[in-house]
Amino acid sequence: MTLPLSPFIAATEAPPVMEARRWIEGVTFPPDRPLINVSQAAPVDPPPEGLRAAIAQAAPNDPAAHLYGPVLGLPDLRAEIARQWSLAYGGQIAPSDVAITQGCNQAFCAVLATVAAAGDEVLLPTPWYFNHKMWLDMQGVRAVPLPAGADLVPDPDHAARLIGPRTRAIVLVTPNNPGGVEYPGRILRAFLELARARGLALVVDETYRDFDARPGPPHDLFADPDWRDSFVHLYSFSKAYRLTGHRVGAIVADAARLAEVEKFLDTVAICPGQLGQIGALWGMRNLSQWVAGERAEILARRAAIAEGLPALPGWRLLGCGAYFAYAEHPFALPSAEFARRLVAEAGVLLLPGSMFTPADDPSGARQVRIAFANLDRAGIAALLDRLGGLALPRR
């Protein structure tokens, strides 16, 4: 007997990063030409020693760290986020406006579960972050593609024309995954005004905001005294403090919305992990200078990609920032086949643009995402050398 399977789950694409990892199974990479893995945007180094020590001290000495905690997270961490975000964005955020989640993906799922139901619609700029699309598919919510255009910045006027009677939210990611681009503050303001006028939620994922190249706040949405009526902010501690395995994310939204989010979180995870939250709180209080150094290094790597990739014959850089470069390749192969061929031809693992676009969007076949943040400048030079030396048929 075959067990039943939800049609929504069955229709959801397989996890792209896991699929790409299968491409290297059984492949041997010589010592003088090791695999260059630019497929995933996750720090490969452990957290700083001081943060690890804070977690290590809590593990044997804080009995509460091993118990269920508050569903919406540790009060001290929620208060610290409210304090620091209020200063950083020039707005007023209360601890009751903050919830802690098991990573930013869970934050997205929790918020969207309170916003949209099966049969509803959500606008996603394309190229989109595939986990956002996967969650909507699993819930029977239609992801409405909003093509971001040549500069990879979505147009609020275009979005307005796509809003229908079942639209419930607009989702933005800035700095963008996969495109890397930083959305101008005026664009975010225009989207907030659009969402407010149409009675929608504007959900902004700022997982990579610590690596934004611009000085000062990236937008003024929290400075709007009525931000709670339409704006939801998502954040991840995974990148800034290298806490990927501890899964610590955050939602900033109206407290009434978080009361609904609490139902989801209590059902799915009961509470976020205590030790990861302890580490995140220690990091917020002690690692501002360290994070500034990490940001400077990422920006230097970004500059190396921005200078070097367009110099490769036929390559076109579409967006670059934070952890990502998004580019158009010059080869005759569709991007999915091109990415698989790269493993054997060049010892490079990256993701094809087809993983970030609708199946009927031809642009995905010409594009690739390069997650360069884990490469130092010598590694970036090696990557560019391998891409430049490819002997594949061109368009």
Protein backbone atom coordinates (compact mmCIF):
# COMPACT_ATOMS: atom_id res chain seq x y z
CA MET A 1 0.00 0.00 0.00
CA THR A 2 1.27 3.45 -0.90
CA LEU A 3 0.91 6.09 1.81
CA PRO A 4 -0.94 9.28 0.82
CA LEU A 5 1.10 12.34 -0.14
CA SER A 6 -0.02 15.93 0.01
CA PRO A 7 -0.37 17.26 -3.53
CA PHE A 8 1.16 20.56 -2.40
CA ILE A 9 4.28 18.80 -1.11
CA ALA A 10 4.45 16.63 -4.21
CA ALA A 11 4.34 19.73 -6.44
CA THR A 12 7.16 21.46 -4.52
CA GLU A 13 10.61 21.37 -6.10
CA ALA A 14 13.39 19.46 -4.32
CA PRO A 15 15.77 21.56 -2.18
CA PRO A 16 18.22 23.09 -4.69
CA VAL A 17 21.32 23.05 -2.46
CA MET A 18 20.79 19.37 -1.68
CA GLU A 19 20.32 18.62 -5.38
CA ALA A 20 23.56 20.42 -6.23
CA ARG A 21 25.47 18.49 -3.59
CA ARG A 22 24.49 15.27 -5.33
CA TRP A 23 26.33 16.47 -8.44
CA ILE A 24 29.67 16.03 -6.67
CA GLU A 25 28.98 12.56 -5.28
CA GLY A 26 31.60 10.14 -6.57
CA VAL A 27 33.64 12.90 -8.22
CA THR A 28 37.33 13.05 -7.30
CA PHE A 29 39.04 16.43 -7.19
CA PRO A 30 42.85 16.37 -7.37
CA PRO A 31 44.81 18.03 -4.51
CA ASP A 32 46.18 20.67 -6.84
CA ARG A 33 42.68 21.52 -8.09
CA PRO A 34 40.24 21.14 -5.19
CA LEU A 35 36.53 21.80 -5.52
CA ILE A 36 35.55 25.46 -5.37
CA ASN A 37 32.12 25.41 -3.76
CA VAL A 38 30.15 28.60 -4.36
CA SER A 39 26.74 26.97 -4.15
CA GLN A 40 25.62 27.99 -0.65
CA ALA A 41 25.70 31.20 1.37
CA ALA A 42 26.63 29.79 4.76
CA PRO A 43 29.75 30.65 6.78
CA VAL A 44 32.09 27.68 6.98
CA ASP A 45 34.11 28.98 9.94
CA PRO A 46 32.93 28.66 13.56
CA PRO A 47 31.74 31.63 15.61
CA PRO A 48 34.36 33.84 17.28
CA GLU A 49 36.00 32.33 20.32
CA GLY A 50 34.29 34.67 22.79
CA LEU A 51 30.84 33.73 21.53
CA ARG A 52 31.69 30.04 21.69
CA ALA A 53 32.93 30.55 25.24
CA ALA A 54 29.63 32.21 26.21
CA ILE A 55 27.71 29.19 24.92
CA ALA A 56 30.16 26.80 26.57
CA GLN A 57 29.78 28.56 29.90
CA ALA A 58 26.00 28.51 29.73
CA ALA A 59 25.81 24.81 28.89
CA PRO A 60 27.01 23.50 32.30
CA ASN A 61 26.12 26.49 34.46
CA ASP A 62 22.65 27.62 33.37
CA PRO A 63 20.05 24.89 33.98
CA ALA A 64 17.36 26.97 32.26
CA ALA A 65 19.35 26.80 29.01
CA HIS A 66 18.26 23.17 28.64
CA LEU A 67 14.55 23.69 29.30
CA TYR A 68 11.68 24.96 27.23
CA GLY A 69 11.89 28.72 27.00
CA PRO A 70 9.35 31.36 26.00
CA VAL A 71 7.78 30.59 22.64
CA LEU A 72 8.65 34.04 21.29
CA GLY A 73 12.21 33.91 22.61
CA LEU A 74 14.33 35.06 25.52
CA PRO A 75 13.16 38.44 26.88
CA ASP A 76 16.71 39.82 27.07
CA LEU A 77 17.38 39.04 23.42
CA ARG A 78 14.06 40.50 22.30
CA ALA A 79 14.81 43.66 24.30
CA GLU A 80 18.32 43.96 22.86
CA ILE A 81 17.03 43.66 19.31
CA ALA A 82 14.38 46.30 20.01
CA ARG A 83 16.99 48.65 21.47
CA GLN A 84 19.62 48.21 18.76
CA TRP A 85 17.19 48.19 15.83
CA SER A 86 15.48 51.37 17.14
CA LEU A 87 18.86 53.13 17.14
CA ALA A 88 20.01 51.70 13.82
CA TYR A 89 16.83 52.51 11.90
CA GLY A 90 15.80 55.69 13.72
CA GLY A 91 12.45 54.29 14.80
CA GLN A 92 10.51 53.02 17.78
CA ILE A 93 10.52 49.25 18.31
CA ALA A 94 9.31 47.66 21.54
CA PRO A 95 10.42 44.27 22.88
CA SER A 96 6.83 43.11 22.37
CA ASP A 97 7.32 43.76 18.63
CA VAL A 98 10.12 41.14 18.46
CA ALA A 99 9.99 37.35 18.21
CA ILE A 100 12.90 34.91 18.01
CA THR A 101 12.70 31.94 15.65
CA GLN A 102 14.69 28.85 14.67
CA GLY A 103 16.42 30.70 11.85
CA CYS A 104 15.11 33.20 9.33
CA ASN A 105 13.47 30.55 7.15
CA GLN A 106 11.21 29.68 10.07
CA ALA A 107 10.55 33.37 10.58
CA PHE A 108 9.33 33.60 6.99
CA CYS A 109 7.17 30.49 7.28
CA ALA A 110 5.64 31.67 10.56
CA VAL A 111 4.76 35.11 9.21
CA LEU A 112 3.37 33.86 5.90
CA ALA A 113 1.31 31.23 7.74
CA THR A 114 -0.50 34.11 9.49
CA VAL A 115 -0.91 36.11 6.27
CA ALA A 116 -1.90 33.73 3.47
CA ALA A 117 -3.89 30.52 3.09
CA ALA A 118 -4.29 28.02 0.28
CA GLY A 119 -5.63 29.78 -2.80
CA ASP A 120 -4.16 33.15 -1.86
CA GLU A 121 -1.35 34.93 -3.73
CA VAL A 122 1.97 36.49 -2.69
CA LEU A 123 4.21 38.62 -4.91
CA LEU A 124 7.84 37.40 -5.14
CA PRO A 125 10.42 39.31 -7.20
CA THR A 126 12.30 37.08 -9.63
CA PRO A 127 14.93 35.78 -9.44
CA TRP A 128 13.49 34.64 -6.10
CA TYR A 129 14.91 32.98 -3.00
CA PHE A 130 13.90 29.38 -3.62
CA ASN A 131 12.99 28.54 0.00
CA HIS A 132 10.40 31.32 -0.03
CA LYS A 133 8.88 29.84 -3.18
CA MET A 134 9.00 26.32 -1.70
CA TRP A 135 7.08 27.33 1.43
CA LEU A 136 4.35 29.01 -0.60
CA ASP A 137 4.06 25.96 -2.84
CA MET A 138 3.80 23.64 0.18
CA GLN A 139 0.91 25.74 1.52
CA GLY A 140 -0.98 25.96 -1.76
CA VAL A 141 -0.28 29.71 -1.95
CA ARG A 142 0.42 30.98 -5.47
CA ALA A 143 3.73 32.79 -5.85
CA VAL A 144 3.14 35.58 -8.37
CA PRO A 145 6.43 36.36 -10.17
CA LEU A 146 7.46 40.01 -10.17
CA PRO A 147 10.33 40.25 -12.70
CA ALA A 148 13.00 42.45 -11.18
CA GLY A 149 14.31 43.80 -14.48
CA ALA A 150 17.82 44.38 -15.78
CA ASP A 151 19.05 46.00 -12.56
CA LEU A 152 17.43 43.27 -10.40
CA VAL A 153 15.47 45.93 -8.48
CA PRO A 154 11.69 45.34 -8.53
CA ASP A 155 9.39 48.13 -9.66
CA PRO A 156 6.52 49.10 -7.31
CA ASP A 157 4.40 50.24 -10.27
CA HIS A 158 4.78 46.85 -11.91
CA ALA A 159 3.90 45.19 -8.60
CA ALA A 160 0.73 47.29 -8.37
CA ARG A 161 -0.47 45.89 -11.68
CA LEU A 162 -0.02 42.31 -10.43
CA ILE A 163 -2.09 42.73 -7.26
CA GLY A 164 -5.40 40.90 -7.40
CA PRO A 165 -8.27 40.10 -5.04
CA ARG A 166 -6.36 37.13 -3.51
CA THR A 167 -3.05 38.96 -3.02
CA ARG A 168 -2.02 39.00 0.63
CA ALA A 169 1.63 40.08 0.75
CA ILE A 170 4.69 41.38 -1.09
CA VAL A 171 8.02 39.79 -0.15
CA LEU A 172 11.37 41.54 -0.67
CA VAL A 173 14.92 40.41 0.16
CA THR A 174 17.61 43.09 0.54
CA PRO A 175 20.54 42.79 0.15
CA ASN A 176 19.12 40.31 -2.27
CA ASN A 177 19.45 36.57 -2.43
CA PRO A 178 20.22 35.51 -5.14
CA GLY A 179 20.92 38.82 -6.89
CA GLY A 180 23.12 40.54 -4.32
CA VAL A 181 21.65 43.96 -5.07
CA GLU A 182 20.79 46.43 -2.32
CA TYR A 183 17.33 47.91 -2.82
CA PRO A 184 17.28 51.71 -2.60
CA GLY A 185 15.45 53.11 0.40
CA ARG A 186 13.02 54.98 -1.85
CA ILE A 187 12.01 51.66 -3.45
CA LEU A 188 11.28 50.11 -0.06
CA ARG A 189 9.29 53.21 0.93
CA ALA A 190 7.26 52.99 -2.28
CA PHE A 191 6.52 49.32 -1.61
CA LEU A 192 5.40 50.13 1.93
CA GLU A 193 3.03 52.79 0.63
CA LEU A 194 1.71 50.35 -1.97
CA ALA A 195 1.17 47.61 0.61
CA ARG A 196 -0.57 50.03 2.97
CA ALA A 197 -2.85 51.37 0.25
CA ARG A 198 -3.87 47.85 -0.81
CA GLY A 199 -4.17 46.34 2.68
CA LEU A 200 -1.24 43.96 2.19
CA ALA A 201 1.72 42.86 4.31
CA LEU A 202 5.16 44.01 3.18
CA VAL A 203 7.60 41.33 4.35
CA VAL A 204 11.25 42.39 4.07
CA ASP A 205 13.94 39.77 4.65
CA GLU A 206 17.16 41.50 5.73
CA THR A 207 19.26 38.41 6.45
CA TYR A 208 22.32 40.05 4.84
CA ARG A 209 21.90 43.60 6.12
CA ASP A 210 25.17 43.44 8.13
CA PHE A 211 27.02 43.33 4.79
CA ASP A 212 25.23 46.22 3.10
CA ALA A 213 27.83 48.50 1.49
CA ARG A 214 25.94 51.71 2.26
CA PRO A 215 26.58 53.78 5.37
CA GLY A 216 23.66 54.45 7.67
CA PRO A 217 20.26 52.75 7.74
CA PRO A 218 19.26 51.04 4.47
CA HIS A 219 15.69 52.35 4.73
CA ASP A 220 13.42 54.53 6.87
CA LEU A 221 10.48 52.14 7.28
CA PHE A 222 10.83 51.83 11.04
CA ALA A 223 10.86 55.63 11.30
CA ASP A 224 7.30 55.62 9.99
CA PRO A 225 5.15 55.96 13.14
CA ASP A 226 2.57 53.61 11.59
CA TRP A 227 5.05 50.94 10.41
CA ARG A 228 3.23 48.22 12.36
CA ASP A 229 0.14 48.39 10.14
CA SER A 230 1.89 46.89 7.10
CA PHE A 231 5.62 46.18 7.63
CA VAL A 232 7.21 42.92 8.80
CA HIS A 233 10.99 42.65 9.16
CA LEU A 234 12.92 39.36 9.12
CA TYR A 235 16.51 38.81 10.24
CA SER A 236 19.05 36.02 10.72
CA PHE A 237 21.95 35.73 13.15
CA SER A 238 23.50 32.97 11.02
CA LYS A 239 25.64 35.20 8.84
CA ALA A 240 26.75 37.97 11.21
CA TYR A 241 27.86 35.63 14.04
CA ARG A 242 28.33 32.35 12.11
CA LEU A 243 25.50 30.71 14.04
CA THR A 244 24.12 28.67 11.15
CA GLY A 245 23.91 25.42 13.12
CA HIS A 246 22.18 27.07 16.08
CA ARG A 247 19.30 28.41 13.95
CA VAL A 248 18.53 31.84 15.42
CA GLY A 249 16.36 34.29 13.49
CA ALA A 250 14.02 37.15 14.33
CA ILE A 251 10.74 38.76 13.36
CA VAL A 252 9.91 42.39 14.03
CA ALA A 253 6.20 43.07 13.60
CA ASP A 254 3.14 44.39 15.35
CA ALA A 255 2.64 42.62 18.70
CA ALA A 256 -0.84 41.55 17.62
CA ARG A 257 0.66 39.81 14.59
CA LEU A 258 3.19 38.08 16.83
CA ALA A 259 0.38 36.72 18.98
CA GLU A 260 -0.74 34.84 15.85
CA VAL A 261 2.85 33.88 15.01
CA GLU A 262 3.12 32.39 18.50
CA LYS A 263 0.50 29.77 17.57
CA PHE A 264 2.63 28.62 14.65
CA LEU A 265 5.89 28.57 16.61
CA ASP A 266 4.39 26.72 19.56
CA THR A 267 3.07 24.05 17.23
CA VAL A 268 6.21 23.64 15.12
CA ALA A 269 9.12 24.05 17.56
CA ILE A 270 7.61 25.06 20.94
CA CYS A 271 10.51 27.48 21.45
CA PRO A 272 13.79 28.51 19.80
CA GLY A 273 16.95 26.83 21.11
CA GLN A 274 18.27 28.47 24.25
CA LEU A 275 22.02 28.14 23.65
CA GLY A 276 21.85 29.75 20.25
CA GLN A 277 19.90 32.67 21.69
CA ILE A 278 22.48 33.06 24.45
CA GLY A 279 25.17 33.20 21.79
CA ALA A 280 23.24 35.74 19.70
CA LEU A 281 22.69 37.99 22.72
CA TRP A 282 26.39 37.83 23.64
CA GLY A 283 27.25 38.68 20.06
CA MET A 284 24.94 41.69 19.96
CA ARG A 285 26.52 43.05 23.13
CA ASN A 286 30.16 42.33 22.32
CA LEU A 287 30.88 41.84 18.63
CA SER A 288 30.06 45.10 16.86
CA GLN A 289 33.70 45.76 15.95
CA TRP A 290 34.23 42.15 14.91
CA VAL A 291 31.17 42.28 12.63
CA ALA A 292 32.51 45.52 11.14
CA GLY A 293 35.69 43.68 10.24
CA GLU A 294 33.70 40.83 8.69
CA ARG A 295 31.72 43.36 6.66
CA ALA A 296 34.91 45.02 5.39
CA GLU A 297 36.29 41.66 4.26
CA ILE A 298 33.06 40.72 2.47
CA LEU A 299 33.02 44.10 0.73
CA ALA A 300 36.61 43.53 -0.41
CA ARG A 301 35.62 40.15 -1.84
CA ARG A 302 32.63 41.77 -3.51
CA ALA A 303 34.96 44.31 -5.14
CA ALA A 304 37.19 41.51 -6.46
CA ILE A 305 34.20 39.79 -8.06
CA ALA A 306 32.79 43.06 -9.43
CA GLU A 307 36.14 43.83 -11.06
CA GLY A 308 37.07 40.37 -12.25
CA LEU A 309 33.89 38.69 -13.49
CA PRO A 310 32.93 41.28 -16.16
CA ALA A 311 36.47 40.96 -17.55
CA LEU A 312 35.78 37.35 -18.54
CA PRO A 313 34.80 37.17 -22.24
CA GLY A 314 31.05 37.05 -22.67
CA TRP A 315 30.15 37.11 -18.97
CA ARG A 316 27.77 39.81 -17.72
CA LEU A 317 27.45 40.71 -14.05
CA LEU A 318 23.80 41.46 -13.25
CA GLY A 319 24.09 42.02 -9.50
CA CYS A 320 26.71 41.80 -6.79
CA GLY A 321 26.58 42.36 -3.04
CA ALA A 322 26.56 40.78 0.39
CA TYR A 323 27.28 37.08 -0.26
CA PHE A 324 26.26 36.82 -3.91
CA ALA A 325 27.05 37.57 -7.51
CA TYR A 326 24.34 36.92 -10.08
CA ALA A 327 25.59 36.69 -13.63
CA GLU A 328 24.71 35.80 -17.20
CA HIS A 329 27.00 33.15 -18.66
CA PRO A 330 28.01 33.13 -22.35
CA PHE A 331 27.66 29.42 -23.09
CA ALA A 332 25.16 27.60 -25.31
CA LEU A 333 24.19 25.17 -22.56
CA PRO A 334 21.12 25.86 -20.42
CA SER A 335 22.21 26.93 -16.95
CA ALA A 336 21.13 23.68 -15.27
CA GLU A 337 23.26 21.61 -17.64
CA PHE A 338 26.06 24.18 -17.54
CA ALA A 339 26.20 24.05 -13.73
CA ARG A 340 26.45 20.26 -13.73
CA ARG A 341 29.17 20.34 -16.40
CA LEU A 342 31.18 22.82 -14.35
CA VAL A 343 31.78 20.19 -11.66
CA ALA A 344 33.76 17.98 -14.04
CA GLU A 345 35.06 20.66 -16.39
CA ALA A 346 36.26 23.18 -13.83
CA GLY A 347 35.88 21.75 -10.32
CA VAL A 348 33.31 24.46 -9.52
CA LEU A 349 29.92 23.99 -7.84
CA LEU A 350 27.41 26.80 -8.26
CA LEU A 351 23.65 27.07 -8.72
CA PRO A 352 21.90 27.67 -12.05
CA GLY A 353 19.51 30.54 -12.52
CA SER A 354 16.75 28.07 -13.30
CA MET A 355 16.60 27.32 -9.56
CA PHE A 356 15.60 30.94 -8.91
CA THR A 357 13.08 31.56 -11.68
CA PRO A 358 9.74 30.17 -12.89
CA ALA A 359 9.99 27.19 -15.23
CA ASP A 360 8.68 29.27 -18.15
CA ASP A 361 11.15 32.15 -17.63
CA PRO A 362 13.93 31.84 -20.25
CA SER A 363 16.27 34.16 -18.34
CA GLY A 364 17.02 31.43 -15.80
CA ALA A 365 18.68 29.31 -18.49
CA ARG A 366 21.27 32.04 -19.06
CA GLN A 367 22.04 32.91 -15.44
CA VAL A 368 23.96 31.54 -12.45
CA ARG A 369 24.38 32.46 -8.79
CA ILE A 370 27.87 32.58 -7.29
CA ALA A 371 27.97 32.59 -3.46
CA PHE A 372 31.47 34.03 -3.10
CA ALA A 373 31.55 34.99 0.58
CA ASN A 374 33.58 31.96 1.70
CA LEU A 375 36.36 32.60 -0.84
CA ASP A 376 39.30 34.81 0.02
CA ARG A 377 40.76 36.93 -2.75
CA ALA A 378 43.11 34.14 -3.85
CA GLY A 379 40.11 31.80 -4.03
CA ILE A 380 38.19 34.35 -6.09
CA ALA A 381 41.14 34.64 -8.47
CA ALA A 382 41.19 30.84 -8.84
CA LEU A 383 37.44 30.78 -9.50
CA LEU A 384 37.71 33.46 -12.18
CA ASP A 385 40.65 31.66 -13.77
CA ARG A 386 38.66 28.41 -14.02
CA LEU A 387 35.56 30.15 -15.42
CA GLY A 388 37.70 32.04 -17.93
CA GLY A 389 39.38 28.85 -19.11
CA LEU A 390 36.23 26.91 -19.95
CA ALA A 391 36.25 25.31 -23.40
CA LEU A 392 32.50 25.00 -23.93
CA PRO A 393 30.41 26.05 -26.94
CA ARG A 394 29.21 29.64 -26.71
CA ARG A 395 25.95 31.22 -27.72
